[in-house]
Amino acid sequence: MAQLTPIGLVKILGLVTLIMVIPIVGGTVAGLILDRMLASSPLLVLAGLAVGTLIAAIGIWLLIRAGVRRGYTDGGPGNGT
């Protein structure tokens, strides 16, 4: 199993933050703009938030999958010793 350094952990934390914040805030802002244009408040804000959350969840899943492939975990269940 690959050993993570403190700098590696900070990089991963930064990636997780970007993967979570950008889609959620972007979807919400896009929903706000569209709601003002179409006078459909708060429907599109909620839709943008939901889409942003879905995109963020997919991004986190891809990040975890890439970490497993790099060997940060051995991928086996029950190896918490």
Protein backbone atom coordinates (compact mmCIF):
# COMPACT_ATOMS: atom_id res chain seq x y z
CA MET A 1 0.00 0.00 0.00
CA ALA A 2 1.34 3.45 -0.91
CA GLN A 3 2.15 5.74 1.98
CA LEU A 4 0.64 9.24 1.87
CA THR A 5 2.74 12.18 3.00
CA PRO A 6 1.23 15.19 4.77
CA ILE A 7 1.54 17.21 1.55
CA GLY A 8 -0.23 14.42 -0.33
CA LEU A 9 -3.06 14.51 2.18
CA VAL A 10 -3.37 18.30 1.82
CA LYS A 11 -3.55 17.90 -1.97
CA ILE A 12 -6.30 15.32 -1.63
CA LEU A 13 -8.20 17.59 0.77
CA GLY A 14 -7.89 20.44 -1.73
CA LEU A 15 -9.16 18.24 -4.54
CA VAL A 16 -12.13 17.10 -2.48
CA THR A 17 -12.96 20.72 -1.64
CA LEU A 18 -12.82 21.77 -5.29
CA ILE A 19 -14.81 18.75 -6.44
CA MET A 20 -17.53 19.50 -3.89
CA VAL A 21 -17.70 23.31 -3.93
CA ILE A 22 -17.47 24.22 -7.62
CA PRO A 23 -20.37 22.08 -8.92
CA ILE A 24 -22.68 22.84 -5.99
CA VAL A 25 -22.08 26.60 -6.03
CA GLY A 26 -22.08 26.67 -9.83
CA GLY A 27 -25.40 24.84 -10.05
CA THR A 28 -26.94 27.09 -7.42
CA VAL A 29 -25.74 30.29 -9.09
CA ALA A 30 -26.94 29.06 -12.49
CA GLY A 31 -30.31 28.27 -10.91
CA LEU A 32 -30.49 31.75 -9.35
CA ILE A 33 -29.77 33.42 -12.68
CA LEU A 34 -32.30 31.29 -14.53
CA ASP A 35 -34.90 31.79 -11.80
CA ARG A 36 -34.60 35.56 -12.13
CA MET A 37 -34.87 35.37 -15.91
CA LEU A 38 -37.86 33.01 -15.89
CA ALA A 39 -39.50 34.12 -12.61
CA SER A 40 -39.71 30.54 -11.40
CA SER A 41 -38.16 30.96 -7.94
CA PRO A 42 -37.04 28.67 -6.20
CA LEU A 43 -37.56 25.81 -8.65
CA LEU A 44 -34.38 26.17 -10.69
CA VAL A 45 -32.22 26.97 -7.66
CA LEU A 46 -33.23 23.65 -6.15
CA ALA A 47 -32.72 21.87 -9.47
CA GLY A 48 -29.26 23.45 -9.84
CA LEU A 49 -28.38 22.45 -6.30
CA ALA A 50 -29.49 18.86 -6.98
CA VAL A 51 -27.55 18.66 -10.24
CA GLY A 52 -24.46 20.18 -8.60
CA THR A 53 -24.67 17.67 -5.76
CA LEU A 54 -24.97 14.80 -8.22
CA ILE A 55 -21.94 16.04 -10.18
CA ALA A 56 -19.98 16.42 -6.93
CA ALA A 57 -20.89 12.88 -5.84
CA ILE A 58 -19.73 11.50 -9.18
CA GLY A 59 -16.50 13.48 -8.87
CA ILE A 60 -15.80 12.11 -5.40
CA TRP A 61 -16.55 8.58 -6.60
CA LEU A 62 -14.04 9.04 -9.46
CA LEU A 63 -11.43 10.41 -7.03
CA ILE A 64 -11.86 7.41 -4.71
CA ARG A 65 -11.68 5.01 -7.64
CA ALA A 66 -8.45 6.64 -8.85
CA GLY A 67 -7.00 6.42 -5.32
CA VAL A 68 -7.77 2.73 -5.10
CA ARG A 69 -6.13 2.14 -8.48
CA ARG A 70 -3.00 4.00 -7.34
CA GLY A 71 -2.77 1.74 -4.32
CA TYR A 72 -3.72 4.13 -1.51
CA THR A 73 -5.85 1.25 -0.26
CA ASP A 74 -5.52 -2.40 -1.08
CA GLY A 75 -9.20 -2.57 -2.02
CA GLY A 76 -9.88 -5.52 0.24
CA PRO A 77 -12.70 -5.50 2.77
CA GLY A 78 -11.95 -5.84 6.45
CA ASN A 79 -8.29 -4.84 6.34
CA GLY A 80 -8.46 -2.17 9.02
CA THR A 81 -5.65 -3.60 11.13
